[in-house]
PDB file of N, CA and C in Angstrom:
ATOM      1  N   LEU A   1       0.962  -0.973   0.285  1.00  0.00           N
ATOM      2  CA  LEU A   1       0.027   0.207   0.325  1.00  0.00           C
ATOM      3  C   LEU A   1       0.549   1.217   0.054  1.00  0.00           C
ATOM      4  N   ASP A   2       0.787   2.436  -0.971  1.00  0.00           N
ATOM      5  CA  ASP A   2       0.804   3.705  -0.852  1.00  0.00           C
ATOM      6  C   ASP A   2       1.476   4.609   0.982  1.00  0.00           C
ATOM      7  N   GLY A   3       1.849   4.362   1.461  1.00  0.00           N
ATOM      8  CA  GLY A   3       2.145   5.638   2.563  1.00  0.00           C
ATOM      9  C   GLY A   3       2.854   3.951   3.735  1.00  0.00           C
ATOM     10  N   VAL A   4       3.377   2.999   3.405  1.00  0.00           N
ATOM     11  CA  VAL A   4       3.248   1.879   4.606  1.00  0.00           C
ATOM     12  C   VAL A   4       5.138   2.077   4.412  1.00  0.00           C
ATOM     13  N   ASN A   5       5.328   2.501   5.216  1.00  0.00           N
ATOM     14  CA  ASN A   5       7.125   2.909   5.145  1.00  0.00           C
ATOM     15  C   ASN A   5       8.082   0.421   5.597  1.00  0.00           C
ATOM     16  N   SER A   6       7.486   0.747   6.223  1.00  0.00           N
ATOM     17  CA  SER A   6       7.766  -1.294   6.941  1.00  0.00           C
ATOM     18  C   SER A   6       7.233  -2.005   7.257  1.00  0.00           C
ATOM     19  N   SER A   7       7.191  -3.445   6.896  1.00  0.00           N
ATOM     20  CA  SER A   7       6.370  -4.062   8.125  1.00  0.00           C
ATOM     21  C   SER A   7       6.969  -5.100   8.697  1.00  0.00           C
ATOM     22  N   VAL A   8       6.393  -6.045   9.667  1.00  0.00           N
ATOM     23  CA  VAL A   8       7.465  -7.068  10.136  1.00  0.00           C
ATOM     24  C   VAL A   8       6.383  -8.025  11.017  1.00  0.00           C
ATOM     25  N   VAL A   9       6.396  -9.406  10.130  1.00  0.00           N
ATOM     26  CA  VAL A   9       5.363 -10.078  10.600  1.00  0.00           C
ATOM     27  C   VAL A   9       6.034 -11.399  11.339  1.00  0.00           C
ATOM     28  N   ASN A  10       5.474 -11.633  12.307  1.00  0.00           N
ATOM     29  CA  ASN A  10       5.676 -12.959  12.502  1.00  0.00           C
ATOM     30  C   ASN A  10       4.570 -13.830  12.666  1.00  0.00           C
ATOM     31  N   LEU A  11       5.027 -14.925  11.620  1.00  0.00           N
ATOM     32  CA  LEU A  11       4.049 -15.669  11.255  1.00  0.00           C
ATOM     33  C   LEU A  11       3.644 -16.928  11.870  1.00  0.00           C
ATOM     34  N   SER A  12       4.200 -17.568  13.061  1.00  0.00           N
ATOM     35  CA  SER A  12       4.318 -18.381  14.084  1.00  0.00           C
ATOM     36  C   SER A  12       2.635 -17.515  15.603  1.00  0.00           C
ATOM     37  N   LYS A  13       2.751 -16.475  15.660  1.00  0.00           N
ATOM     38  CA  LYS A  13       2.259 -15.411  16.293  1.00  0.00           C
ATOM     39  C   LYS A  13       0.948 -15.173  15.863  1.00  0.00           C
ATOM     40  N   GLY A  14       1.147 -14.781  14.504  1.00  0.00           N
ATOM     41  CA  GLY A  14       0.100 -14.589  13.267  1.00  0.00           C
ATOM     42  C   GLY A  14       0.271 -12.928  13.490  1.00  0.00           C
ATOM     43  N   GLU A  15       1.075 -12.142  14.009  1.00  0.00           N
ATOM     44  CA  GLU A  15       1.222 -10.729  14.261  1.00  0.00           C
ATOM     45  C   GLU A  15       1.397 -10.013  13.094  1.00  0.00           C
ATOM     46  N   VAL A  16       1.649  -8.873  12.858  1.00  0.00           N
ATOM     47  CA  VAL A  16       2.514  -8.358  11.674  1.00  0.00           C
ATOM     48  C   VAL A  16       2.534  -6.677  12.437  1.00  0.00           C
ATOM     49  N   GLU A  17       3.910  -6.241  12.878  1.00  0.00           N
ATOM     50  CA  GLU A  17       3.433  -4.718  12.585  1.00  0.00           C
ATOM     51  C   GLU A  17       3.717  -3.687  12.181  1.00  0.00           C
ATOM     52  N   ILE A  18       3.149  -2.528  11.569  1.00  0.00           N
ATOM     53  CA  ILE A  18       3.292  -1.664  10.340  1.00  0.00           C
ATOM     54  C   ILE A  18       3.592  -0.111  10.327  1.00  0.00           C
ATOM     55  N   ASN A  19       4.906   0.109  10.121  1.00  0.00           N
ATOM     56  CA  ASN A  19       4.666   1.789  10.503  1.00  0.00           C
ATOM     57  C   ASN A  19       4.910   2.279   8.714  1.00  0.00           C
ATOM     58  N   PHE A  20       3.526   3.036   9.302  1.00  0.00           N
ATOM     59  CA  PHE A  20       2.445   3.963   8.253  1.00  0.00           C
ATOM     60  C   PHE A  20       3.110   5.211   7.563  1.00  0.00           C
ATOM     61  N   ASP A  21       2.441   6.219   7.328  1.00  0.00           N
ATOM     62  CA  ASP A  21       2.913   8.148   6.248  1.00  0.00           C
ATOM     63  C   ASP A  21       1.244   7.884   7.248  1.00  0.00           C
ATOM     64  N   GLU A  22       0.481   8.496   8.242  1.00  0.00           N
ATOM     65  CA  GLU A  22      -1.095   8.841   8.236  1.00  0.00           C
ATOM     66  C   GLU A  22      -1.906   9.744   7.531  1.00  0.00           C
ATOM     67  N   ASN A  23      -0.689  10.311   6.368  1.00  0.00           N
ATOM     68  CA  ASN A  23      -1.259  10.872   5.811  1.00  0.00           C
ATOM     69  C   ASN A  23      -1.206  10.304   4.509  1.00  0.00           C
ATOM     70  N   LYS A  24      -1.355   9.049   4.655  1.00  0.00           N
ATOM     71  CA  LYS A  24      -1.493   8.413   2.674  1.00  0.00           C
ATOM     72  C   LYS A  24      -2.595   6.876   3.569  1.00  0.00           C
ATOM     73  N   VAL A  25      -3.148   6.576   3.966  1.00  0.00           N
ATOM     74  CA  VAL A  25      -3.149   4.931   4.738  1.00  0.00           C
ATOM     75  C   VAL A  25      -3.223   5.562   6.026  1.00  0.00           C
ATOM     76  N   ASN A  26      -4.587   4.676   6.188  1.00  0.00           N
ATOM     77  CA  ASN A  26      -5.461   4.388   7.804  1.00  0.00           C
ATOM     78  C   ASN A  26      -5.456   3.322   7.700  1.00  0.00           C
ATOM     79  N   PHE A  27      -6.568   2.315   9.244  1.00  0.00           N
ATOM     80  CA  PHE A  27      -6.484   1.691   9.033  1.00  0.00           C
ATOM     81  C   PHE A  27      -7.390   0.327   9.073  1.00  0.00           C
ATOM     82  N   ASN A  28      -8.108   0.901   7.982  1.00  0.00           N
ATOM     83  CA  ASN A  28      -8.978   0.802   7.297  1.00  0.00           C
ATOM     84  C   ASN A  28      -8.260   0.487   6.023  1.00  0.00           C
ATOM     85  N   GLY A  29      -8.056   1.147   6.013  1.00  0.00           N
ATOM     86  CA  GLY A  29      -7.373   0.961   4.670  1.00  0.00           C
ATOM     87  C   GLY A  29      -6.282  -0.571   4.231  1.00  0.00           C
ATOM     88  N   PHE A  30      -5.729  -0.738   5.728  1.00  0.00           N
ATOM     89  CA  PHE A  30      -4.895  -2.227   5.925  1.00  0.00           C
ATOM     90  C   PHE A  30      -5.828  -2.874   6.062  1.00  0.00           C
ATOM     91  N   LYS A  31      -6.368  -3.090   7.112  1.00  0.00           N
ATOM     92  CA  LYS A  31      -7.785  -4.203   7.372  1.00  0.00           C
ATOM     93  C   LYS A  31      -8.759  -4.394   5.753  1.00  0.00           C
ATOM     94  N   GLU A  32      -8.647  -4.214   4.684  1.00  0.00           N
ATOM     95  CA  GLU A  32      -9.380  -4.320   3.641  1.00  0.00           C
ATOM     96  C   GLU A  32      -8.253  -4.705   2.596  1.00  0.00           C
ATOM     97  N   ALA A  33      -7.170  -4.396   2.396  1.00  0.00           N
ATOM     98  CA  ALA A  33      -5.766  -5.217   2.090  1.00  0.00           C
ATOM     99  C   ALA A  33      -5.987  -6.551   2.814  1.00  0.00           C
ATOM    100  N   ILE A  34      -6.061  -6.682   3.781  1.00  0.00           N
ATOM    101  CA  ILE A  34      -5.647  -7.501   4.116  1.00  0.00           C
ATOM    102  C   ILE A  34      -7.019  -9.013   4.411  1.00  0.00           C
ATOM    103  N   GLU A  35      -7.904  -7.949   4.196  1.00  0.00           N
ATOM    104  CA  GLU A  35      -9.135  -9.634   4.387  1.00  0.00           C
ATOM    105  C   GLU A  35      -9.453  -9.485   2.937  1.00  0.00           C
ATOM    106  N   ASN A  36      -8.614  -9.015   2.403  1.00  0.00           N
ATOM    107  CA  ASN A  36      -9.120  -8.946   0.549  1.00  0.00           C
ATOM    108  C   ASN A  36      -7.864 -10.424   0.280  1.00  0.00           C
ATOM    109  N   GLN A  37      -7.216 -10.019   1.314  1.00  0.00           N
ATOM    110  CA  GLN A  37      -5.657 -11.555   0.810  1.00  0.00           C
ATOM    111  C   GLN A  37      -6.402 -12.850   1.245  1.00  0.00           C
ATOM    112  N   GLY A  38      -7.606 -12.843   1.899  1.00  0.00           N
ATOM    113  CA  GLY A  38      -7.778 -13.677   2.914  1.00  0.00           C
ATOM    114  C   GLY A  38      -7.271 -14.249   4.423  1.00  0.00           C
ATOM    115  N   TYR A  39      -6.685 -13.088   4.473  1.00  0.00           N
ATOM    116  CA  TYR A  39      -6.899 -13.079   6.499  1.00  0.00           C
ATOM    117  C   TYR A  39      -8.000 -12.713   7.018  1.00  0.00           C
ATOM    118  N   GLU A  40      -7.935 -12.387   8.499  1.00  0.00           N
ATOM    119  CA  GLU A  40      -8.366 -11.575   9.249  1.00  0.00           C
ATOM    120  C   GLU A  40      -7.340 -11.359   9.817  1.00  0.00           C
ATOM    121  N   VAL A  41      -8.899 -10.083  10.649  1.00  0.00           N
ATOM    122  CA  VAL A  41      -7.789  -8.458  10.892  1.00  0.00           C
ATOM    123  C   VAL A  41      -8.468  -9.125  12.794  1.00  0.00           C
ATOM    124  N   LYS A  42      -7.324  -9.048  14.018  1.00  0.00           N
ATOM    125  CA  LYS A  42      -8.246  -8.496  15.353  1.00  0.00           C
ATOM    126  C   LYS A  42      -7.029  -7.353  15.893  1.00  0.00           C
ATOM    127  N   MET A  43      -7.727  -6.342  16.405  1.00  0.00           N
ATOM    128  CA  MET A  43      -7.046  -5.609  16.788  1.00  0.00           C
ATOM    129  C   MET A  43      -7.168  -5.965  18.871  1.00  0.00           C
TER     130      MET A  43
END
């Protein structure tokens, strides 16, 4: 996604940490992109 600076994925824990520019993307943008790949988003 445009605005993502970096991300770290931990598959064994099912977690992702995302560093992003809030002026270009928001949580709903991430949620939609992740769900479109077939994954569930939990906060």
